[in-house]
Amino acid sequence: MSLRSNDRRWGSIAKFFHWITALLILGNGIFGLMMDLASNPMQKINWLALHKSIGLTVLALFLLRLLWRWGDKRPREEPAPRWQQLAAHATHAVLYVLIVALPLTGWWLNSVAGKPLQFFKQFNLPALTAANHDLKGTVEGIHEYLFWFLVLVLVAHVGGALKHHFIDRDNTLLRMLPFRRLRDDSPSQGEH
């Protein structure tokens, strides 16, 4: 399996960034929703610190993914109606914005709350803004609404991939899955 992408499939590094980011987002989203199940205040503080560190990791991995993608090839697009291609591009663009916006709004929320932001208890990151407790509820709402919007966009993304796989029976999903062979020898195209 090639590290770099080619005109038929995504390379190992692109697949790694895709799947590790997806798993971290999914896990951190579930973790964020479970925060209120903490058995005591100290456990909640520890869970919240871990949630923040995972969010920062997603942001860092996404920035590395963008750097990699600028120098990496992309598979050609699968033949599809123009509206489906536009919908796929729009979905990816919105996903990218949300993957950056969620950690940044979390960082902003931490800043307006006036709390230190530690990355896995190794070092502190600077506040994005001064503490402003009057703004905390608004920023918290933005962060939460962005999460639910991300969930909706992810449902569309996964739904599109499954449609390509089970209905169109093309290689769109297969070429992003690790260790999977493409369906045929014809050139595969399209986004993951």
C-alpha atoms as a PDB file:
ATOM      1  CA  MET A   1       0.000   0.000   0.000  1.00  0.00           C
ATOM      2  CA  SER A   2       1.432   3.333  -1.068  1.00  0.00           C
ATOM      3  CA  LEU A   3       1.969   6.141   1.413  1.00  0.00           C
ATOM      4  CA  ARG A   4       0.912   8.714  -1.185  1.00  0.00           C
ATOM      5  CA  SER A   5      -2.419   8.960  -2.962  1.00  0.00           C
ATOM      6  CA  ASN A   6      -2.690   8.374  -6.697  1.00  0.00           C
ATOM      7  CA  ASP A   7      -5.365   8.872  -9.333  1.00  0.00           C
ATOM      8  CA  ARG A   8      -7.152   5.659  -8.214  1.00  0.00           C
ATOM      9  CA  ARG A   9      -7.062   5.638  -4.402  1.00  0.00           C
ATOM     10  CA  TRP A  10      -6.102   7.474  -1.255  1.00  0.00           C
ATOM     11  CA  GLY A  11      -2.654   6.702   0.150  1.00  0.00           C
ATOM     12  CA  SER A  12      -1.919   5.322   3.610  1.00  0.00           C
ATOM     13  CA  ILE A  13      -1.133   8.710   5.134  1.00  0.00           C
ATOM     14  CA  ALA A  14      -4.358  10.308   3.850  1.00  0.00           C
ATOM     15  CA  LYS A  15      -6.302   7.298   5.164  1.00  0.00           C
ATOM     16  CA  PHE A  16      -4.570   7.538   8.540  1.00  0.00           C
ATOM     17  CA  PHE A  17      -5.461  11.225   8.914  1.00  0.00           C
ATOM     18  CA  HIS A  18      -9.057  10.557   7.819  1.00  0.00           C
ATOM     19  CA  TRP A  19      -9.730   7.653  10.169  1.00  0.00           C
ATOM     20  CA  ILE A  20      -7.838   8.849  13.243  1.00  0.00           C
ATOM     21  CA  THR A  21      -9.571  12.226  12.998  1.00  0.00           C
ATOM     22  CA  ALA A  22     -12.956  10.526  12.554  1.00  0.00           C
ATOM     23  CA  LEU A  23     -12.402   8.267  15.566  1.00  0.00           C
ATOM     24  CA  LEU A  24     -11.185  11.117  17.772  1.00  0.00           C
ATOM     25  CA  ILE A  25     -14.142  13.323  16.804  1.00  0.00           C
ATOM     26  CA  LEU A  26     -16.640  10.532  17.407  1.00  0.00           C
ATOM     27  CA  GLY A  27     -15.075   9.536  20.719  1.00  0.00           C
ATOM     28  CA  ASN A  28     -14.678  13.102  21.929  1.00  0.00           C
ATOM     29  CA  GLY A  29     -18.251  13.943  20.976  1.00  0.00           C
ATOM     30  CA  ILE A  30     -19.569  10.987  22.973  1.00  0.00           C
ATOM     31  CA  PHE A  31     -17.207  11.855  25.800  1.00  0.00           C
ATOM     32  CA  GLY A  32     -18.467  15.462  25.818  1.00  0.00           C
ATOM     33  CA  LEU A  33     -22.073  14.266  26.018  1.00  0.00           C
ATOM     34  CA  MET A  34     -21.230  11.951  28.933  1.00  0.00           C
ATOM     35  CA  MET A  35     -19.530  14.683  30.968  1.00  0.00           C
ATOM     36  CA  ASP A  36     -22.552  15.077  33.257  1.00  0.00           C
ATOM     37  CA  LEU A  37     -22.349  11.388  34.210  1.00  0.00           C
ATOM     38  CA  ALA A  38     -19.161  11.972  36.199  1.00  0.00           C
ATOM     39  CA  SER A  39     -19.540  10.584  39.713  1.00  0.00           C
ATOM     40  CA  ASN A  40     -17.942  13.571  41.442  1.00  0.00           C
ATOM     41  CA  PRO A  41     -16.674  17.100  40.652  1.00  0.00           C
ATOM     42  CA  MET A  42     -13.025  16.033  40.470  1.00  0.00           C
ATOM     43  CA  GLN A  43     -13.819  13.302  37.956  1.00  0.00           C
ATOM     44  CA  LYS A  44     -15.750  15.843  35.864  1.00  0.00           C
ATOM     45  CA  ILE A  45     -12.764  18.223  35.919  1.00  0.00           C
ATOM     46  CA  ASN A  46     -10.456  15.402  34.782  1.00  0.00           C
ATOM     47  CA  TRP A  47     -12.866  14.334  32.038  1.00  0.00           C
ATOM     48  CA  LEU A  48     -13.223  17.929  30.876  1.00  0.00           C
ATOM     49  CA  ALA A  49      -9.422  18.325  30.747  1.00  0.00           C
ATOM     50  CA  LEU A  50      -9.177  15.154  28.658  1.00  0.00           C
ATOM     51  CA  HIS A  51     -12.009  16.357  26.381  1.00  0.00           C
ATOM     52  CA  LYS A  52     -10.129  19.624  25.772  1.00  0.00           C
ATOM     53  CA  SER A  53      -6.835  17.844  25.066  1.00  0.00           C
ATOM     54  CA  ILE A  54      -8.487  15.494  22.571  1.00  0.00           C
ATOM     55  CA  GLY A  55     -10.110  18.486  20.872  1.00  0.00           C
ATOM     56  CA  LEU A  56      -6.722  20.181  20.543  1.00  0.00           C
ATOM     57  CA  THR A  57      -5.304  16.938  19.145  1.00  0.00           C
ATOM     58  CA  VAL A  58      -8.035  16.894  16.495  1.00  0.00           C
ATOM     59  CA  LEU A  59      -7.135  20.474  15.558  1.00  0.00           C
ATOM     60  CA  ALA A  60      -3.417  19.656  15.299  1.00  0.00           C
ATOM     61  CA  LEU A  61      -4.025  16.486  13.269  1.00  0.00           C
ATOM     62  CA  PHE A  62      -6.372  18.360  10.954  1.00  0.00           C
ATOM     63  CA  LEU A  63      -3.747  21.049  10.311  1.00  0.00           C
ATOM     64  CA  LEU A  64      -1.192  18.319   9.565  1.00  0.00           C
ATOM     65  CA  ARG A  65      -3.735  16.669   7.278  1.00  0.00           C
ATOM     66  CA  LEU A  66      -4.182  19.921   5.342  1.00  0.00           C
ATOM     67  CA  LEU A  67      -0.424  20.302   4.953  1.00  0.00           C
ATOM     68  CA  TRP A  68      -0.173  16.737   3.681  1.00  0.00           C
ATOM     69  CA  ARG A  69      -3.114  17.134   1.326  1.00  0.00           C
ATOM     70  CA  TRP A  70      -1.635  20.222  -0.358  1.00  0.00           C
ATOM     71  CA  GLY A  71       1.301  18.112  -1.540  1.00  0.00           C
ATOM     72  CA  ASP A  72      -0.552  14.856  -2.125  1.00  0.00           C
ATOM     73  CA  LYS A  73      -2.495  13.765  -5.197  1.00  0.00           C
ATOM     74  CA  ARG A  74      -6.222  13.204  -5.134  1.00  0.00           C
ATOM     75  CA  PRO A  75      -8.071  10.350  -6.795  1.00  0.00           C
ATOM     76  CA  ARG A  76     -10.157  11.326  -9.788  1.00  0.00           C
ATOM     77  CA  GLU A  77     -13.847  11.745  -9.119  1.00  0.00           C
ATOM     78  CA  GLU A  78     -16.261   8.907  -9.791  1.00  0.00           C
ATOM     79  CA  PRO A  79     -18.708   9.666 -12.584  1.00  0.00           C
ATOM     80  CA  ALA A  80     -21.812  11.190 -10.983  1.00  0.00           C
ATOM     81  CA  PRO A  81     -24.390  13.864 -11.709  1.00  0.00           C
ATOM     82  CA  ARG A  82     -23.002  17.360 -11.259  1.00  0.00           C
ATOM     83  CA  TRP A  83     -25.300  18.087  -8.302  1.00  0.00           C
ATOM     84  CA  GLN A  84     -23.897  15.064  -6.420  1.00  0.00           C
ATOM     85  CA  GLN A  85     -20.333  16.194  -7.052  1.00  0.00           C
ATOM     86  CA  LEU A  86     -21.201  19.701  -5.824  1.00  0.00           C
ATOM     87  CA  ALA A  87     -22.955  18.252  -2.770  1.00  0.00           C
ATOM     88  CA  ALA A  88     -19.890  16.124  -1.959  1.00  0.00           C
ATOM     89  CA  HIS A  89     -17.556  19.129  -2.271  1.00  0.00           C
ATOM     90  CA  ALA A  90     -19.865  21.294  -0.153  1.00  0.00           C
ATOM     91  CA  THR A  91     -20.128  18.573   2.513  1.00  0.00           C
ATOM     92  CA  HIS A  92     -16.340  18.270   2.692  1.00  0.00           C
ATOM     93  CA  ALA A  93     -15.892  22.030   2.891  1.00  0.00           C
ATOM     94  CA  VAL A  94     -18.414  22.299   5.735  1.00  0.00           C
ATOM     95  CA  LEU A  95     -16.782  19.341   7.523  1.00  0.00           C
ATOM     96  CA  TYR A  96     -13.394  21.022   7.302  1.00  0.00           C
ATOM     97  CA  VAL A  97     -14.752  24.290   8.690  1.00  0.00           C
ATOM     98  CA  LEU A  98     -16.488  22.485  11.553  1.00  0.00           C
ATOM     99  CA  ILE A  99     -13.440  20.346  12.381  1.00  0.00           C
ATOM    100  CA  VAL A 100     -11.524  23.591  12.929  1.00  0.00           C
ATOM    101  CA  ALA A 101     -14.389  25.577  14.475  1.00  0.00           C
ATOM    102  CA  LEU A 102     -15.261  23.070  17.204  1.00  0.00           C
ATOM    103  CA  PRO A 103     -11.836  22.972  18.887  1.00  0.00           C
ATOM    104  CA  LEU A 104     -11.438  26.731  18.438  1.00  0.00           C
ATOM    105  CA  THR A 105     -14.811  27.452  20.055  1.00  0.00           C
ATOM    106  CA  GLY A 106     -13.866  25.051  22.852  1.00  0.00           C
ATOM    107  CA  TRP A 107     -10.618  26.980  23.317  1.00  0.00           C
ATOM    108  CA  TRP A 108     -12.583  30.246  23.203  1.00  0.00           C
ATOM    109  CA  LEU A 109     -15.027  28.880  25.810  1.00  0.00           C
ATOM    110  CA  ASN A 110     -12.124  27.930  28.051  1.00  0.00           C
ATOM    111  CA  SER A 111     -10.688  31.440  27.596  1.00  0.00           C
ATOM    112  CA  VAL A 112     -13.887  33.340  28.454  1.00  0.00           C
ATOM    113  CA  ALA A 113     -14.301  31.053  31.488  1.00  0.00           C
ATOM    114  CA  GLY A 114     -10.874  32.270  32.649  1.00  0.00           C
ATOM    115  CA  LYS A 115      -9.477  28.763  33.066  1.00  0.00           C
ATOM    116  CA  PRO A 116      -6.017  27.513  32.107  1.00  0.00           C
ATOM    117  CA  LEU A 117      -5.930  25.261  29.050  1.00  0.00           C
ATOM    118  CA  GLN A 118      -3.511  22.382  29.438  1.00  0.00           C
ATOM    119  CA  PHE A 119      -2.605  19.911  26.738  1.00  0.00           C
ATOM    120  CA  PHE A 120      -2.599  16.478  28.425  1.00  0.00           C
ATOM    121  CA  LYS A 121      -1.169  18.134  31.577  1.00  0.00           C
ATOM    122  CA  GLN A 122       2.091  18.797  29.693  1.00  0.00           C
ATOM    123  CA  PHE A 123       1.911  22.525  28.969  1.00  0.00           C
ATOM    124  CA  ASN A 124      -0.539  25.412  28.991  1.00  0.00           C
ATOM    125  CA  LEU A 125      -1.840  27.138  25.895  1.00  0.00           C
ATOM    126  CA  PRO A 126      -2.521  30.869  25.905  1.00  0.00           C
ATOM    127  CA  ALA A 127      -6.054  32.200  26.220  1.00  0.00           C
ATOM    128  CA  LEU A 128      -7.660  33.350  22.970  1.00  0.00           C
ATOM    129  CA  THR A 129      -9.472  36.195  24.747  1.00  0.00           C
ATOM    130  CA  ALA A 130      -9.729  37.731  28.175  1.00  0.00           C
ATOM    131  CA  ALA A 131     -12.059  36.149  30.716  1.00  0.00           C
ATOM    132  CA  ASN A 132     -15.650  37.291  30.243  1.00  0.00           C
ATOM    133  CA  HIS A 133     -18.150  35.347  32.320  1.00  0.00           C
ATOM    134  CA  ASP A 134     -21.066  37.225  30.719  1.00  0.00           C
ATOM    135  CA  LEU A 135     -20.075  35.700  27.362  1.00  0.00           C
ATOM    136  CA  LYS A 136     -19.560  32.161  28.668  1.00  0.00           C
ATOM    137  CA  GLY A 137     -23.136  30.945  28.100  1.00  0.00           C
ATOM    138  CA  THR A 138     -23.199  32.278  24.546  1.00  0.00           C
ATOM    139  CA  VAL A 139     -19.887  30.656  23.622  1.00  0.00           C
ATOM    140  CA  GLU A 140     -20.944  27.400  25.257  1.00  0.00           C
ATOM    141  CA  GLY A 141     -24.117  27.454  23.151  1.00  0.00           C
ATOM    142  CA  ILE A 142     -22.123  28.101  19.962  1.00  0.00           C
ATOM    143  CA  HIS A 143     -19.786  25.197  20.758  1.00  0.00           C
ATOM    144  CA  GLU A 144     -22.714  22.850  21.403  1.00  0.00           C
ATOM    145  CA  TYR A 145     -24.697  23.921  18.322  1.00  0.00           C
ATOM    146  CA  LEU A 146     -21.622  23.466  16.156  1.00  0.00           C
ATOM    147  CA  PHE A 147     -21.275  19.938  17.535  1.00  0.00           C
ATOM    148  CA  TRP A 148     -24.859  19.053  16.587  1.00  0.00           C
ATOM    149  CA  PHE A 149     -24.394  20.624  13.162  1.00  0.00           C
ATOM    150  CA  LEU A 150     -21.245  18.496  12.745  1.00  0.00           C
ATOM    151  CA  VAL A 151     -23.301  15.404  13.615  1.00  0.00           C
ATOM    152  CA  LEU A 152     -25.778  16.266  10.837  1.00  0.00           C
ATOM    153  CA  VAL A 153     -23.013  16.853   8.296  1.00  0.00           C
ATOM    154  CA  LEU A 154     -21.301  13.598   9.313  1.00  0.00           C
ATOM    155  CA  VAL A 155     -24.575  11.724   8.771  1.00  0.00           C
ATOM    156  CA  ALA A 156     -24.691  13.188   5.239  1.00  0.00           C
ATOM    157  CA  HIS A 157     -21.008  12.290   4.667  1.00  0.00           C
ATOM    158  CA  VAL A 158     -21.396   8.698   5.867  1.00  0.00           C
ATOM    159  CA  GLY A 159     -24.719   8.383   4.065  1.00  0.00           C
ATOM    160  CA  GLY A 160     -23.115   9.497   0.815  1.00  0.00           C
ATOM    161  CA  ALA A 161     -20.271   7.006   1.234  1.00  0.00           C
ATOM    162  CA  LEU A 162     -22.725   4.173   1.930  1.00  0.00           C
ATOM    163  CA  LYS A 163     -24.865   5.180  -1.066  1.00  0.00           C
ATOM    164  CA  HIS A 164     -21.771   5.007  -3.284  1.00  0.00           C
ATOM    165  CA  HIS A 165     -20.871   1.604  -1.858  1.00  0.00           C
ATOM    166  CA  PHE A 166     -24.232  -0.177  -1.781  1.00  0.00           C
ATOM    167  CA  ILE A 167     -26.301   1.558  -4.459  1.00  0.00           C
ATOM    168  CA  ASP A 168     -23.814   2.945  -7.005  1.00  0.00           C
ATOM    169  CA  ARG A 169     -21.428   0.046  -6.283  1.00  0.00           C
ATOM    170  CA  ASP A 170     -18.400   2.197  -7.085  1.00  0.00           C
ATOM    171  CA  ASN A 171     -15.039   2.488  -5.319  1.00  0.00           C
ATOM    172  CA  THR A 172     -15.599   5.763  -3.459  1.00  0.00           C
ATOM    173  CA  LEU A 173     -15.723   4.115  -0.027  1.00  0.00           C
ATOM    174  CA  LEU A 174     -13.362   1.230  -0.813  1.00  0.00           C
ATOM    175  CA  ARG A 175     -10.475   3.483  -1.722  1.00  0.00           C
ATOM    176  CA  MET A 176     -10.630   5.168   1.694  1.00  0.00           C
ATOM    177  CA  LEU A 177     -10.899   1.922   3.656  1.00  0.00           C
ATOM    178  CA  PRO A 178      -7.597   0.462   4.821  1.00  0.00           C
ATOM    179  CA  PHE A 179      -6.514  -2.861   3.316  1.00  0.00           C
ATOM    180  CA  ARG A 180      -9.394  -3.120   0.854  1.00  0.00           C
ATOM    181  CA  ARG A 181      -9.139  -3.915  -2.833  1.00  0.00           C
ATOM    182  CA  LEU A 182     -11.011  -1.864  -5.372  1.00  0.00           C
ATOM    183  CA  ARG A 183     -13.961  -3.548  -7.088  1.00  0.00           C
ATOM    184  CA  ASP A 184     -12.460  -3.669 -10.572  1.00  0.00           C
ATOM    185  CA  ASP A 185      -9.498  -2.544 -12.654  1.00  0.00           C
ATOM    186  CA  SER A 186     -11.225   0.525 -14.057  1.00  0.00           C
ATOM    187  CA  PRO A 187      -9.858   3.828 -12.770  1.00  0.00           C
ATOM    188  CA  SER A 188     -11.590   4.847  -9.569  1.00  0.00           C
ATOM    189  CA  GLN A 189     -12.287   8.481  -8.934  1.00  0.00           C
ATOM    190  CA  GLY A 190     -13.965  10.796  -6.392  1.00  0.00           C
ATOM    191  CA  GLU A 191     -13.795  12.095  -2.873  1.00  0.00           C
ATOM    192  CA  HIS A 192     -13.774  10.047   0.306  1.00  0.00           C
END
